[in-house]
Amino acid sequence: MAQKHEVKAKIKETKPENSENNHIKNKITTIKLNLQTKQRLEKLREHKRESYDDLLRKMLYILSTVRVDSDKSKEILDKIDETRKKMDI
C-alpha cells in the first residue's frame, strides 16, 4: 500500500485591482498536497527556484492552451522537458 503524506505549499493569491486606491494586494495561502502530487508538480519545474505558484499558473496555461491548440501545448511540454534536461533538475 502506498504511504500517504501531506505536504504544505504556499501559493500567492492576487486580488483584483481596487478602483479606489488602484493597487494590488497579495495574499499567501497554504494548501495541503499529497507528497506524490508535490513530486509530480516538481517535474514541471524549469529551474530549481520556480515557485509552486509559478508551476500551477504554468499548468493552468497549458490546460487552457490544450483546449484551443493541443499541438502547441505539446510543444510547451517538450520545451519544459528540454529545459529540465539542460538544467539537470
Protein backbone atom coordinates (compact mmCIF):
# COMPACT_ATOMS: atom_id res chain seq x y z
CA MET A 1 0.00 0.00 0.00
CA ALA A 2 1.33 3.46 -0.88
CA GLN A 3 2.30 5.62 2.04
CA LYS A 4 0.28 8.83 2.28
CA HIS A 5 2.00 12.08 3.28
CA GLU A 6 0.69 15.60 3.25
CA VAL A 7 2.91 18.50 2.25
CA LYS A 8 2.06 22.17 2.64
CA ALA A 9 2.80 24.54 -0.22
CA LYS A 10 2.48 28.31 -0.20
CA ILE A 11 0.51 29.83 -3.06
CA LYS A 12 0.34 33.55 -3.81
CA GLU A 13 -3.19 34.78 -4.31
CA THR A 14 -3.60 38.08 -6.11
CA LYS A 15 -6.68 40.22 -5.59
CA PRO A 16 -8.04 42.30 -8.47
CA GLU A 17 -7.25 46.00 -8.64
CA ASN A 18 -9.10 48.15 -6.14
CA SER A 19 -10.73 51.01 -8.05
CA GLU A 20 -10.47 53.37 -5.05
CA ASN A 21 -6.71 53.24 -4.50
CA ASN A 22 -5.62 51.37 -7.66
CA HIS A 23 -3.19 48.87 -6.09
CA ILE A 24 -2.92 45.08 -5.97
CA LYS A 25 -2.85 43.19 -2.69
CA ASN A 26 -1.11 39.81 -2.47
CA LYS A 27 -2.24 37.14 -0.07
CA ILE A 28 -0.35 33.99 0.82
CA THR A 29 -2.49 30.88 1.14
CA THR A 30 -1.45 27.46 2.42
CA ILE A 31 -2.73 24.34 0.69
CA LYS A 32 -2.15 20.70 1.55
CA LEU A 33 -0.73 18.43 -1.12
CA ASN A 34 -0.16 14.71 -1.13
CA LEU A 35 3.59 14.03 -1.35
CA GLN A 36 3.10 12.30 -4.70
CA THR A 37 1.28 15.39 -6.05
CA LYS A 38 4.14 17.62 -4.90
CA GLN A 39 6.66 15.36 -6.64
CA ARG A 40 4.63 15.46 -9.85
CA LEU A 41 4.47 19.26 -9.68
CA GLU A 42 8.23 19.40 -9.28
CA LYS A 43 8.64 17.52 -12.56
CA LEU A 44 7.27 20.61 -14.31
CA ARG A 45 9.93 22.89 -12.85
CA GLU A 46 12.17 24.59 -15.38
CA HIS A 47 14.54 25.86 -12.70
CA LYS A 48 15.10 24.95 -9.06
CA ARG A 49 13.73 28.17 -7.60
CA GLU A 50 10.47 28.11 -9.55
CA SER A 51 7.64 28.55 -7.03
CA TYR A 52 4.57 26.35 -6.69
CA ASP A 53 2.52 29.37 -7.72
CA ASP A 54 4.55 29.58 -10.94
CA LEU A 55 4.08 25.84 -11.52
CA LEU A 56 0.32 25.99 -11.01
CA ARG A 57 -0.02 29.02 -13.27
CA LYS A 58 2.01 27.20 -15.91
CA MET A 59 -0.27 24.16 -15.61
CA LEU A 60 -3.37 26.33 -15.95
CA TYR A 61 -1.87 27.99 -19.04
CA ILE A 62 -1.09 24.60 -20.60
CA LEU A 63 -4.61 23.34 -19.82
CA SER A 64 -6.22 26.39 -21.39
CA THR A 65 -3.92 26.07 -24.41
CA VAL A 66 -4.71 22.38 -24.96
CA ARG A 67 -8.39 23.26 -25.46
CA VAL A 68 -7.51 25.57 -28.33
CA ASP A 69 -4.37 24.01 -29.78
CA SER A 70 -3.21 20.63 -28.49
CA ASP A 71 -0.08 20.73 -30.66
CA LYS A 72 1.03 23.98 -29.05
CA SER A 73 0.57 22.56 -25.54
CA LYS A 74 2.65 19.52 -26.58
CA GLU A 75 5.37 21.92 -27.76
CA ILE A 76 5.28 23.69 -24.38
CA LEU A 77 5.66 20.40 -22.52
CA ASP A 78 8.52 19.35 -24.82
CA LYS A 79 10.25 22.69 -24.14
CA ILE A 80 9.91 22.11 -20.39
CA ASP A 81 11.48 18.66 -20.81
CA GLU A 82 14.36 20.11 -22.82
CA THR A 83 14.99 22.83 -20.26
CA ARG A 84 14.93 20.30 -17.41
CA LYS A 85 17.50 18.14 -19.19
CA LYS A 86 19.80 21.15 -19.70
CA MET A 87 19.42 22.28 -16.08
CA ASP A 88 19.81 18.72 -14.75
CA ILE A 89 16.94 19.08 -12.30
